[in-house]
N, C-alpha and C. Protein backbone atom coordinates (compact mmCIF):
# COMPACT_ATOMS: atom_id res chain seq x y z
N MET A 1 -0.54 7.81 5.39
CA MET A 1 0.77 8.15 5.87
C MET A 1 0.83 9.65 6.08
N VAL A 2 1.55 10.05 7.06
CA VAL A 2 1.63 11.47 7.42
C VAL A 2 2.68 12.20 6.60
N TYR A 3 2.87 11.78 5.36
CA TYR A 3 3.82 12.38 4.44
C TYR A 3 3.65 13.90 4.39
N LYS A 4 4.73 14.60 4.74
CA LYS A 4 4.80 16.07 4.70
C LYS A 4 3.94 16.76 5.76
N ARG A 5 3.29 16.01 6.64
CA ARG A 5 2.40 16.62 7.64
C ARG A 5 3.22 17.44 8.63
N PRO A 6 2.91 18.73 8.81
CA PRO A 6 3.64 19.54 9.78
C PRO A 6 3.59 18.91 11.18
N GLY A 7 4.75 18.83 11.80
CA GLY A 7 4.87 18.26 13.13
C GLY A 7 5.07 16.76 13.12
N SER A 8 4.97 16.13 11.95
CA SER A 8 5.08 14.68 11.87
C SER A 8 6.10 14.19 10.85
N TRP A 9 6.62 15.08 10.04
CA TRP A 9 7.51 14.67 8.95
C TRP A 9 8.74 15.56 8.95
N PRO A 10 9.89 14.99 8.69
CA PRO A 10 11.13 15.80 8.70
C PRO A 10 11.09 16.99 7.74
N SER A 11 10.47 16.81 6.57
CA SER A 11 10.36 17.88 5.59
C SER A 11 8.89 18.27 5.50
N GLU A 12 8.50 19.29 6.23
CA GLU A 12 7.09 19.67 6.34
C GLU A 12 6.65 20.52 5.15
N ASP A 13 5.42 20.30 4.73
CA ASP A 13 4.83 21.10 3.65
C ASP A 13 3.32 20.95 3.75
N LEU A 14 2.67 21.90 4.40
CA LEU A 14 1.23 21.81 4.64
C LEU A 14 0.44 21.71 3.34
N ALA A 15 0.80 22.49 2.34
CA ALA A 15 0.07 22.45 1.07
C ALA A 15 0.19 21.07 0.42
N GLU A 16 1.38 20.50 0.44
CA GLU A 16 1.58 19.16 -0.15
C GLU A 16 0.82 18.11 0.66
N TYR A 17 0.85 18.21 1.98
CA TYR A 17 0.11 17.27 2.82
C TYR A 17 -1.39 17.37 2.54
N GLN A 18 -1.92 18.58 2.42
CA GLN A 18 -3.34 18.76 2.13
C GLN A 18 -3.70 18.18 0.76
N ARG A 19 -2.81 18.34 -0.23
CA ARG A 19 -3.03 17.75 -1.55
C ARG A 19 -3.11 16.24 -1.44
N TYR A 20 -2.20 15.69 -0.65
CA TYR A 20 -2.13 14.24 -0.44
C TYR A 20 -3.41 13.73 0.23
N ILE A 21 -3.85 14.40 1.28
CA ILE A 21 -5.07 13.99 2.00
C ILE A 21 -6.29 14.11 1.08
N THR A 22 -6.36 15.19 0.31
CA THR A 22 -7.46 15.36 -0.64
C THR A 22 -7.46 14.25 -1.68
N LEU A 23 -6.28 13.90 -2.17
CA LEU A 23 -6.17 12.82 -3.14
C LEU A 23 -6.69 11.51 -2.56
N TRP A 24 -6.28 11.18 -1.34
CA TRP A 24 -6.75 9.94 -0.70
C TRP A 24 -8.27 9.98 -0.50
N ALA A 25 -8.79 11.12 -0.06
CA ALA A 25 -10.24 11.23 0.14
C ALA A 25 -10.97 11.07 -1.20
N ASP A 26 -10.41 11.62 -2.26
CA ASP A 26 -11.02 11.47 -3.59
C ASP A 26 -10.98 10.00 -4.04
N VAL A 27 -9.88 9.31 -3.78
CA VAL A 27 -9.78 7.89 -4.14
C VAL A 27 -10.84 7.10 -3.39
N VAL A 28 -10.96 7.33 -2.10
CA VAL A 28 -11.96 6.62 -1.29
C VAL A 28 -13.37 6.90 -1.81
N SER A 29 -13.68 8.16 -2.03
CA SER A 29 -15.02 8.54 -2.51
C SER A 29 -15.31 7.91 -3.87
N ASP A 30 -14.32 7.94 -4.76
CA ASP A 30 -14.49 7.35 -6.08
C ASP A 30 -14.77 5.85 -5.99
N ARG A 31 -14.00 5.14 -5.16
CA ARG A 31 -14.18 3.69 -5.04
C ARG A 31 -15.55 3.37 -4.46
N VAL A 32 -15.98 4.12 -3.46
CA VAL A 32 -17.30 3.89 -2.86
C VAL A 32 -18.39 4.17 -3.89
N THR A 33 -18.25 5.24 -4.66
CA THR A 33 -19.21 5.56 -5.72
C THR A 33 -19.32 4.42 -6.72
N ARG A 34 -18.22 3.72 -6.96
CA ARG A 34 -18.19 2.60 -7.90
C ARG A 34 -18.72 1.30 -7.28
N GLY A 35 -19.11 1.37 -6.00
CA GLY A 35 -19.70 0.21 -5.35
C GLY A 35 -18.74 -0.59 -4.49
N ASP A 36 -17.52 -0.11 -4.33
CA ASP A 36 -16.54 -0.83 -3.51
C ASP A 36 -16.69 -0.49 -2.03
N ARG A 37 -16.26 -1.39 -1.22
CA ARG A 37 -16.13 -1.15 0.22
C ARG A 37 -14.65 -0.83 0.44
N VAL A 38 -14.35 0.18 1.24
CA VAL A 38 -12.99 0.64 1.45
C VAL A 38 -12.60 0.45 2.91
N HIS A 39 -11.42 -0.13 3.11
CA HIS A 39 -10.87 -0.33 4.45
C HIS A 39 -9.61 0.51 4.56
N LEU A 40 -9.63 1.51 5.41
CA LEU A 40 -8.45 2.33 5.65
C LEU A 40 -7.61 1.65 6.72
N PHE A 41 -6.30 1.62 6.51
CA PHE A 41 -5.41 0.93 7.44
C PHE A 41 -4.10 1.70 7.55
N VAL A 42 -3.34 1.41 8.56
CA VAL A 42 -2.00 1.98 8.70
C VAL A 42 -1.02 0.85 9.00
N THR A 43 0.23 1.06 8.61
CA THR A 43 1.29 0.12 8.97
C THR A 43 2.20 0.73 10.02
N ASP A 44 1.91 1.97 10.40
CA ASP A 44 2.64 2.67 11.44
C ASP A 44 1.60 3.46 12.24
N PRO A 45 1.51 3.26 13.55
CA PRO A 45 0.48 3.96 14.33
C PRO A 45 0.50 5.48 14.17
N ALA A 46 1.65 6.06 13.88
CA ALA A 46 1.73 7.51 13.69
C ALA A 46 0.90 7.97 12.50
N ASP A 47 0.64 7.07 11.56
CA ASP A 47 -0.12 7.42 10.36
C ASP A 47 -1.62 7.54 10.60
N MET A 48 -2.08 7.17 11.78
CA MET A 48 -3.51 7.26 12.06
C MET A 48 -4.00 8.71 11.98
N ASP A 49 -3.12 9.67 12.24
CA ASP A 49 -3.51 11.08 12.08
C ASP A 49 -3.95 11.36 10.65
N ALA A 50 -3.22 10.81 9.68
CA ALA A 50 -3.59 11.01 8.27
C ALA A 50 -4.92 10.33 7.96
N VAL A 51 -5.14 9.14 8.51
CA VAL A 51 -6.42 8.45 8.30
C VAL A 51 -7.56 9.32 8.85
N HIS A 52 -7.36 9.90 10.01
CA HIS A 52 -8.40 10.76 10.60
C HIS A 52 -8.63 12.00 9.73
N ASP A 53 -7.55 12.53 9.14
CA ASP A 53 -7.69 13.69 8.25
C ASP A 53 -8.46 13.32 6.98
N VAL A 54 -8.21 12.15 6.44
CA VAL A 54 -8.96 11.68 5.27
C VAL A 54 -10.42 11.47 5.66
N TRP A 55 -10.64 10.79 6.78
CA TRP A 55 -12.00 10.48 7.25
C TRP A 55 -12.82 11.77 7.40
N ALA A 56 -12.18 12.82 7.90
CA ALA A 56 -12.88 14.10 8.11
C ALA A 56 -13.35 14.72 6.80
N ARG A 57 -12.74 14.36 5.69
CA ARG A 57 -13.12 14.90 4.38
C ARG A 57 -14.22 14.09 3.69
N LEU A 58 -14.56 12.95 4.26
CA LEU A 58 -15.57 12.08 3.64
C LEU A 58 -16.96 12.45 4.14
N ASP A 59 -17.96 12.37 3.26
CA ASP A 59 -19.33 12.60 3.70
C ASP A 59 -19.87 11.34 4.38
N GLU A 60 -21.00 11.47 5.03
CA GLU A 60 -21.58 10.35 5.80
C GLU A 60 -21.88 9.13 4.94
N LYS A 61 -22.39 9.37 3.73
CA LYS A 61 -22.73 8.27 2.85
C LYS A 61 -21.47 7.48 2.48
N THR A 62 -20.39 8.16 2.21
CA THR A 62 -19.13 7.49 1.88
C THR A 62 -18.61 6.73 3.10
N ARG A 63 -18.63 7.38 4.25
CA ARG A 63 -18.15 6.72 5.48
C ARG A 63 -18.90 5.42 5.77
N ALA A 64 -20.16 5.37 5.39
CA ALA A 64 -20.97 4.17 5.66
C ALA A 64 -20.43 2.95 4.91
N SER A 65 -19.68 3.18 3.84
CA SER A 65 -19.09 2.07 3.08
C SER A 65 -17.60 1.91 3.34
N CYS A 66 -17.17 2.47 4.43
CA CYS A 66 -15.74 2.42 4.79
C CYS A 66 -15.57 1.91 6.21
N SER A 67 -14.37 1.45 6.47
CA SER A 67 -14.00 1.12 7.85
C SER A 67 -12.56 1.56 8.06
N VAL A 68 -12.24 1.81 9.31
CA VAL A 68 -10.87 2.11 9.71
C VAL A 68 -10.38 0.90 10.47
N GLU A 69 -9.36 0.25 9.92
CA GLU A 69 -8.83 -0.97 10.51
C GLU A 69 -7.70 -0.62 11.46
N ASN A 70 -7.81 -1.08 12.70
CA ASN A 70 -6.78 -0.86 13.69
C ASN A 70 -6.01 -2.16 13.92
N ALA A 71 -5.29 -2.58 12.92
CA ALA A 71 -4.53 -3.83 13.03
C ALA A 71 -3.40 -3.62 14.03
N ALA A 72 -3.32 -4.53 15.00
CA ALA A 72 -2.36 -4.40 16.08
C ALA A 72 -1.00 -5.03 15.77
N SER A 73 -0.91 -5.77 14.66
CA SER A 73 0.34 -6.46 14.36
C SER A 73 0.44 -6.70 12.86
N PRO A 74 1.64 -6.99 12.37
CA PRO A 74 1.76 -7.36 10.95
C PRO A 74 0.89 -8.56 10.58
N ASP A 75 0.76 -9.53 11.49
CA ASP A 75 -0.08 -10.69 11.20
C ASP A 75 -1.54 -10.31 11.01
N SER A 76 -2.04 -9.39 11.83
CA SER A 76 -3.44 -8.98 11.67
C SER A 76 -3.63 -8.18 10.38
N LEU A 77 -2.63 -7.38 10.00
CA LEU A 77 -2.71 -6.69 8.71
C LEU A 77 -2.68 -7.69 7.56
N LEU A 78 -1.83 -8.69 7.68
CA LEU A 78 -1.75 -9.72 6.65
C LEU A 78 -3.08 -10.45 6.51
N ASP A 79 -3.73 -10.73 7.63
CA ASP A 79 -5.06 -11.35 7.59
C ASP A 79 -6.06 -10.45 6.87
N LEU A 80 -6.02 -9.14 7.17
CA LEU A 80 -6.89 -8.19 6.48
C LEU A 80 -6.60 -8.20 4.98
N PHE A 81 -5.34 -8.09 4.60
CA PHE A 81 -4.97 -8.02 3.19
C PHE A 81 -5.45 -9.24 2.42
N ARG A 82 -5.38 -10.40 3.04
CA ARG A 82 -5.79 -11.63 2.36
C ARG A 82 -7.28 -11.63 2.02
N ARG A 83 -8.05 -10.78 2.69
CA ARG A 83 -9.49 -10.69 2.43
C ARG A 83 -9.84 -9.61 1.39
N LEU A 84 -8.85 -8.85 0.97
CA LEU A 84 -9.09 -7.73 0.05
C LEU A 84 -8.86 -8.13 -1.40
N ASP A 85 -9.54 -7.45 -2.29
CA ASP A 85 -9.31 -7.65 -3.72
C ASP A 85 -8.06 -6.91 -4.18
N VAL A 86 -7.91 -5.67 -3.71
CA VAL A 86 -6.81 -4.80 -4.11
C VAL A 86 -6.38 -3.98 -2.90
N VAL A 87 -5.08 -3.73 -2.82
CA VAL A 87 -4.51 -2.86 -1.78
C VAL A 87 -3.95 -1.62 -2.46
N ILE A 88 -4.19 -0.46 -1.89
CA ILE A 88 -3.55 0.77 -2.33
C ILE A 88 -2.72 1.25 -1.14
N SER A 89 -1.44 1.44 -1.36
CA SER A 89 -0.56 1.80 -0.24
C SER A 89 0.47 2.82 -0.67
N SER A 90 0.84 3.69 0.26
CA SER A 90 1.92 4.63 0.02
C SER A 90 3.09 4.38 0.98
N ARG A 91 3.06 3.28 1.65
CA ARG A 91 4.14 2.89 2.55
C ARG A 91 4.77 1.58 2.07
N LEU A 92 6.08 1.47 2.23
CA LEU A 92 6.77 0.25 1.87
C LEU A 92 6.18 -0.94 2.62
N HIS A 93 5.87 -0.76 3.90
CA HIS A 93 5.32 -1.86 4.70
C HIS A 93 4.02 -2.39 4.10
N GLY A 94 3.15 -1.49 3.65
CA GLY A 94 1.89 -1.90 3.05
C GLY A 94 2.11 -2.65 1.75
N VAL A 95 3.06 -2.17 0.95
CA VAL A 95 3.38 -2.84 -0.32
C VAL A 95 3.93 -4.24 -0.04
N LEU A 96 4.85 -4.34 0.90
CA LEU A 96 5.45 -5.64 1.22
C LEU A 96 4.41 -6.62 1.74
N LEU A 97 3.54 -6.17 2.62
CA LEU A 97 2.51 -7.07 3.15
C LEU A 97 1.53 -7.48 2.05
N ALA A 98 1.21 -6.58 1.14
CA ALA A 98 0.35 -6.94 0.01
C ALA A 98 1.01 -8.02 -0.83
N ILE A 99 2.31 -7.88 -1.07
CA ILE A 99 3.03 -8.88 -1.85
C ILE A 99 3.05 -10.21 -1.12
N VAL A 100 3.32 -10.20 0.18
CA VAL A 100 3.34 -11.44 0.96
C VAL A 100 1.96 -12.11 0.91
N ALA A 101 0.90 -11.30 0.96
CA ALA A 101 -0.47 -11.83 0.90
C ALA A 101 -0.90 -12.13 -0.54
N ALA A 102 -0.03 -11.83 -1.50
CA ALA A 102 -0.31 -12.02 -2.93
C ALA A 102 -1.56 -11.26 -3.35
N ARG A 103 -1.71 -10.06 -2.82
CA ARG A 103 -2.84 -9.22 -3.19
C ARG A 103 -2.36 -8.14 -4.14
N PRO A 104 -3.02 -7.98 -5.27
CA PRO A 104 -2.65 -6.92 -6.20
C PRO A 104 -2.60 -5.58 -5.47
N VAL A 105 -1.55 -4.80 -5.77
CA VAL A 105 -1.31 -3.57 -5.03
C VAL A 105 -1.01 -2.42 -5.99
N LEU A 106 -1.62 -1.29 -5.71
CA LEU A 106 -1.28 -0.04 -6.37
C LEU A 106 -0.46 0.75 -5.35
N ALA A 107 0.77 1.04 -5.71
CA ALA A 107 1.65 1.79 -4.81
C ALA A 107 1.68 3.25 -5.23
N LEU A 108 1.37 4.13 -4.30
CA LEU A 108 1.50 5.57 -4.51
C LEU A 108 2.75 5.97 -3.74
N SER A 109 3.84 6.08 -4.44
CA SER A 109 5.15 6.13 -3.81
C SER A 109 5.79 7.51 -3.87
N HIS A 110 6.43 7.87 -2.79
CA HIS A 110 7.29 9.06 -2.80
C HIS A 110 8.75 8.64 -2.57
N GLU A 111 8.98 7.34 -2.52
CA GLU A 111 10.32 6.83 -2.21
C GLU A 111 10.80 5.83 -3.26
N ARG A 112 12.08 5.86 -3.50
CA ARG A 112 12.72 4.95 -4.44
C ARG A 112 12.54 3.50 -4.02
N LYS A 113 12.59 3.22 -2.72
CA LYS A 113 12.53 1.82 -2.27
C LYS A 113 11.19 1.17 -2.61
N VAL A 114 10.11 1.92 -2.58
CA VAL A 114 8.80 1.37 -2.95
C VAL A 114 8.79 1.07 -4.44
N ARG A 115 9.29 2.00 -5.24
CA ARG A 115 9.35 1.76 -6.69
C ARG A 115 10.24 0.56 -7.00
N ALA A 116 11.34 0.41 -6.27
CA ALA A 116 12.26 -0.71 -6.50
C ALA A 116 11.58 -2.04 -6.19
N VAL A 117 10.86 -2.13 -5.10
CA VAL A 117 10.16 -3.38 -4.75
C VAL A 117 9.10 -3.70 -5.80
N MET A 118 8.35 -2.70 -6.22
CA MET A 118 7.32 -2.94 -7.23
C MET A 118 7.96 -3.41 -8.54
N SER A 119 9.08 -2.85 -8.88
CA SER A 119 9.79 -3.26 -10.09
C SER A 119 10.31 -4.69 -9.95
N ASP A 120 10.94 -4.99 -8.81
CA ASP A 120 11.45 -6.34 -8.56
C ASP A 120 10.34 -7.38 -8.63
N ALA A 121 9.16 -7.01 -8.15
CA ALA A 121 8.03 -7.94 -8.14
C ALA A 121 7.36 -8.06 -9.52
N GLY A 122 7.80 -7.24 -10.46
CA GLY A 122 7.24 -7.32 -11.81
C GLY A 122 5.92 -6.59 -11.98
N VAL A 123 5.65 -5.65 -11.07
CA VAL A 123 4.39 -4.91 -11.14
C VAL A 123 4.62 -3.38 -11.13
N ALA A 124 5.72 -2.96 -11.75
CA ALA A 124 6.07 -1.54 -11.76
C ALA A 124 4.99 -0.67 -12.40
N SER A 125 4.21 -1.23 -13.31
CA SER A 125 3.16 -0.43 -13.96
C SER A 125 2.05 -0.06 -12.98
N PHE A 126 2.05 -0.67 -11.80
CA PHE A 126 1.06 -0.35 -10.78
C PHE A 126 1.66 0.48 -9.66
N CYS A 127 2.65 1.28 -10.02
CA CYS A 127 3.29 2.19 -9.07
C CYS A 127 3.23 3.59 -9.67
N ALA A 128 2.83 4.55 -8.88
CA ALA A 128 2.74 5.94 -9.34
C ALA A 128 3.47 6.84 -8.35
N ASP A 129 4.01 7.92 -8.85
CA ASP A 129 4.72 8.88 -8.01
C ASP A 129 3.70 9.72 -7.24
N LEU A 130 3.69 9.57 -5.94
CA LEU A 130 2.74 10.27 -5.08
C LEU A 130 2.82 11.78 -5.25
N THR A 131 4.01 12.29 -5.53
CA THR A 131 4.19 13.74 -5.60
C THR A 131 3.61 14.36 -6.86
N THR A 132 3.31 13.54 -7.87
CA THR A 132 2.79 14.09 -9.13
C THR A 132 1.52 13.44 -9.62
N VAL A 133 1.14 12.30 -9.05
CA VAL A 133 -0.02 11.56 -9.56
C VAL A 133 -1.31 12.36 -9.36
N ASN A 134 -2.23 12.16 -10.29
CA ASN A 134 -3.54 12.79 -10.15
C ASN A 134 -4.62 11.70 -10.16
N MET A 135 -5.84 12.10 -9.92
CA MET A 135 -6.94 11.15 -9.80
C MET A 135 -7.14 10.36 -11.09
N GLU A 136 -7.02 11.02 -12.22
CA GLU A 136 -7.20 10.33 -13.50
C GLU A 136 -6.17 9.20 -13.67
N GLN A 137 -4.92 9.46 -13.29
CA GLN A 137 -3.88 8.44 -13.40
C GLN A 137 -4.13 7.28 -12.43
N ILE A 138 -4.61 7.60 -11.24
CA ILE A 138 -4.93 6.55 -10.27
C ILE A 138 -6.07 5.68 -10.81
N GLU A 139 -7.12 6.30 -11.32
CA GLU A 139 -8.24 5.55 -11.89
C GLU A 139 -7.77 4.65 -13.03
N GLU A 140 -6.90 5.19 -13.88
CA GLU A 140 -6.38 4.42 -15.01
C GLU A 140 -5.61 3.19 -14.53
N ARG A 141 -4.75 3.36 -13.54
CA ARG A 141 -3.96 2.24 -13.02
C ARG A 141 -4.84 1.24 -12.29
N LEU A 142 -5.82 1.73 -11.53
CA LEU A 142 -6.72 0.81 -10.82
C LEU A 142 -7.56 0.00 -11.80
N THR A 143 -8.01 0.62 -12.87
CA THR A 143 -8.76 -0.11 -13.89
C THR A 143 -7.89 -1.19 -14.51
N LYS A 144 -6.68 -0.83 -14.85
CA LYS A 144 -5.74 -1.80 -15.42
C LYS A 144 -5.47 -2.93 -14.42
N LEU A 145 -5.30 -2.57 -13.16
CA LEU A 145 -5.03 -3.57 -12.12
C LEU A 145 -6.22 -4.50 -11.93
N THR A 146 -7.41 -3.95 -11.86
CA THR A 146 -8.59 -4.81 -11.65
C THR A 146 -8.87 -5.69 -12.88
N ASP A 147 -8.44 -5.23 -14.06
CA ASP A 147 -8.58 -6.06 -15.26
C ASP A 147 -7.59 -7.22 -15.27
N GLN A 148 -6.54 -7.11 -14.45
CA GLN A 148 -5.48 -8.12 -14.43
C GLN A 148 -5.31 -8.76 -13.05
N LEU A 149 -6.36 -8.82 -12.26
CA LEU A 149 -6.25 -9.31 -10.89
C LEU A 149 -5.60 -10.70 -10.81
N GLU A 150 -6.08 -11.63 -11.60
CA GLU A 150 -5.57 -13.01 -11.51
C GLU A 150 -4.11 -13.10 -11.92
N SER A 151 -3.74 -12.45 -13.01
CA SER A 151 -2.34 -12.53 -13.45
C SER A 151 -1.42 -11.78 -12.49
N CYS A 152 -1.90 -10.69 -11.93
CA CYS A 152 -1.10 -9.95 -10.94
C CYS A 152 -0.92 -10.78 -9.67
N GLU A 153 -1.99 -11.39 -9.22
CA GLU A 153 -1.92 -12.26 -8.04
C GLU A 153 -0.93 -13.40 -8.27
N ARG A 154 -1.01 -14.01 -9.44
CA ARG A 154 -0.09 -15.11 -9.78
C ARG A 154 1.36 -14.62 -9.79
N ARG A 155 1.59 -13.46 -10.39
CA ARG A 155 2.94 -12.89 -10.44
C ARG A 155 3.46 -12.63 -9.01
N LEU A 156 2.61 -12.11 -8.14
CA LEU A 156 3.03 -11.82 -6.76
C LEU A 156 3.29 -13.12 -5.99
N ARG A 157 2.47 -14.14 -6.23
CA ARG A 157 2.72 -15.44 -5.59
C ARG A 157 4.08 -16.00 -6.01
N GLU A 158 4.37 -15.93 -7.30
CA GLU A 158 5.66 -16.42 -7.80
C GLU A 158 6.82 -15.61 -7.22
N TYR A 159 6.67 -14.31 -7.18
CA TYR A 159 7.71 -13.45 -6.63
C TYR A 159 7.91 -13.77 -5.14
N GLY A 160 6.81 -13.91 -4.41
CA GLY A 160 6.90 -14.24 -2.99
C GLY A 160 7.56 -15.59 -2.75
N ALA A 161 7.22 -16.57 -3.57
CA ALA A 161 7.84 -17.90 -3.44
C ALA A 161 9.34 -17.81 -3.71
N GLY A 162 9.73 -17.05 -4.72
CA GLY A 162 11.16 -16.88 -5.01
C GLY A 162 11.89 -16.17 -3.88
N ALA A 163 11.26 -15.16 -3.31
CA ALA A 163 11.87 -14.43 -2.21
C ALA A 163 12.01 -15.33 -0.98
N ARG A 164 10.98 -16.13 -0.69
CA ARG A 164 11.06 -17.05 0.45
C ARG A 164 12.16 -18.08 0.23
N ALA A 165 12.29 -18.58 -0.99
CA ALA A 165 13.34 -19.55 -1.30
C ALA A 165 14.72 -18.92 -1.11
N ALA A 166 14.89 -17.68 -1.51
CA ALA A 166 16.18 -16.99 -1.33
C ALA A 166 16.50 -16.81 0.15
N VAL A 167 15.50 -16.46 0.93
CA VAL A 167 15.72 -16.31 2.38
C VAL A 167 16.07 -17.67 2.99
N ASN A 168 15.39 -18.73 2.57
CA ASN A 168 15.69 -20.07 3.09
C ASN A 168 17.12 -20.49 2.74
N ARG A 169 17.57 -20.17 1.52
CA ARG A 169 18.95 -20.50 1.14
C ARG A 169 19.94 -19.75 2.02
N GLN A 170 19.66 -18.49 2.29
CA GLN A 170 20.53 -17.71 3.15
C GLN A 170 20.52 -18.27 4.57
N ASP A 171 19.35 -18.67 5.02
CA ASP A 171 19.22 -19.25 6.35
C ASP A 171 20.03 -20.54 6.46
N GLU A 172 20.02 -21.35 5.41
CA GLU A 172 20.79 -22.60 5.40
C GLU A 172 22.29 -22.33 5.34
N MET A 173 22.69 -21.26 4.69
CA MET A 173 24.11 -20.93 4.56
C MET A 173 24.70 -20.32 5.84
N LEU A 174 23.88 -19.70 6.65
CA LEU A 174 24.36 -18.98 7.82
C LEU A 174 25.18 -19.85 8.76
N PRO A 175 24.72 -21.05 9.15
CA PRO A 175 25.55 -21.87 10.05
C PRO A 175 26.92 -22.19 9.44
N MET A 176 26.95 -22.45 8.15
CA MET A 176 28.20 -22.75 7.47
C MET A 176 29.13 -21.53 7.52
N LEU A 177 28.61 -20.38 7.30
CA LEU A 177 29.42 -19.15 7.34
C LEU A 177 29.93 -18.88 8.75
N LEU A 178 29.10 -19.15 9.73
CA LEU A 178 29.53 -18.92 11.12
C LEU A 178 30.61 -19.89 11.55
N ARG A 179 30.59 -21.12 11.05
CA ARG A 179 31.62 -22.11 11.37
C ARG A 179 32.98 -21.71 10.81
N ARG A 180 32.99 -20.99 9.73
CA ARG A 180 34.25 -20.57 9.09
C ARG A 180 35.03 -19.61 9.94
N ARG A 181 34.44 -18.96 10.83
CA ARG A 181 35.13 -17.98 11.67
C ARG A 181 35.97 -18.71 12.61
């Protein structure tokens, strides 16, 4: 995400943006060093600039274990997420799609709405404040998350089922409410 990127964000801060990009590059490098394959993705095309900035900080060996996913639609992102073990996202859209796909997610949030969704889904312990989080805290949360993959996935499936049921109830009520007018 182009969080704080000059020319791309309402509240610009080059130093904060550089810290953010460095943090993402460190996360990618750490995961690859641990033997993981990393797929970089965006939920907003404008964020591809940030992906390119992260990519530029990675060495060739790290890049060889990474891919940049150019998902053209929410459905294609959902298909990607369903193939992943864990999602790390700093956008609400990424968190929501991870929940819909029932994929364990670590949210690096700078917004209340991301924290609220993670809390509602019962996975608040896997949410960190992007503005203050450091690599050690991310590693700690990822370790905890990977130790609890099955229970987290189950919790997200249950949360998703409950959310779908609530939407269906609202959908069923809508015609009745419209007739009252």
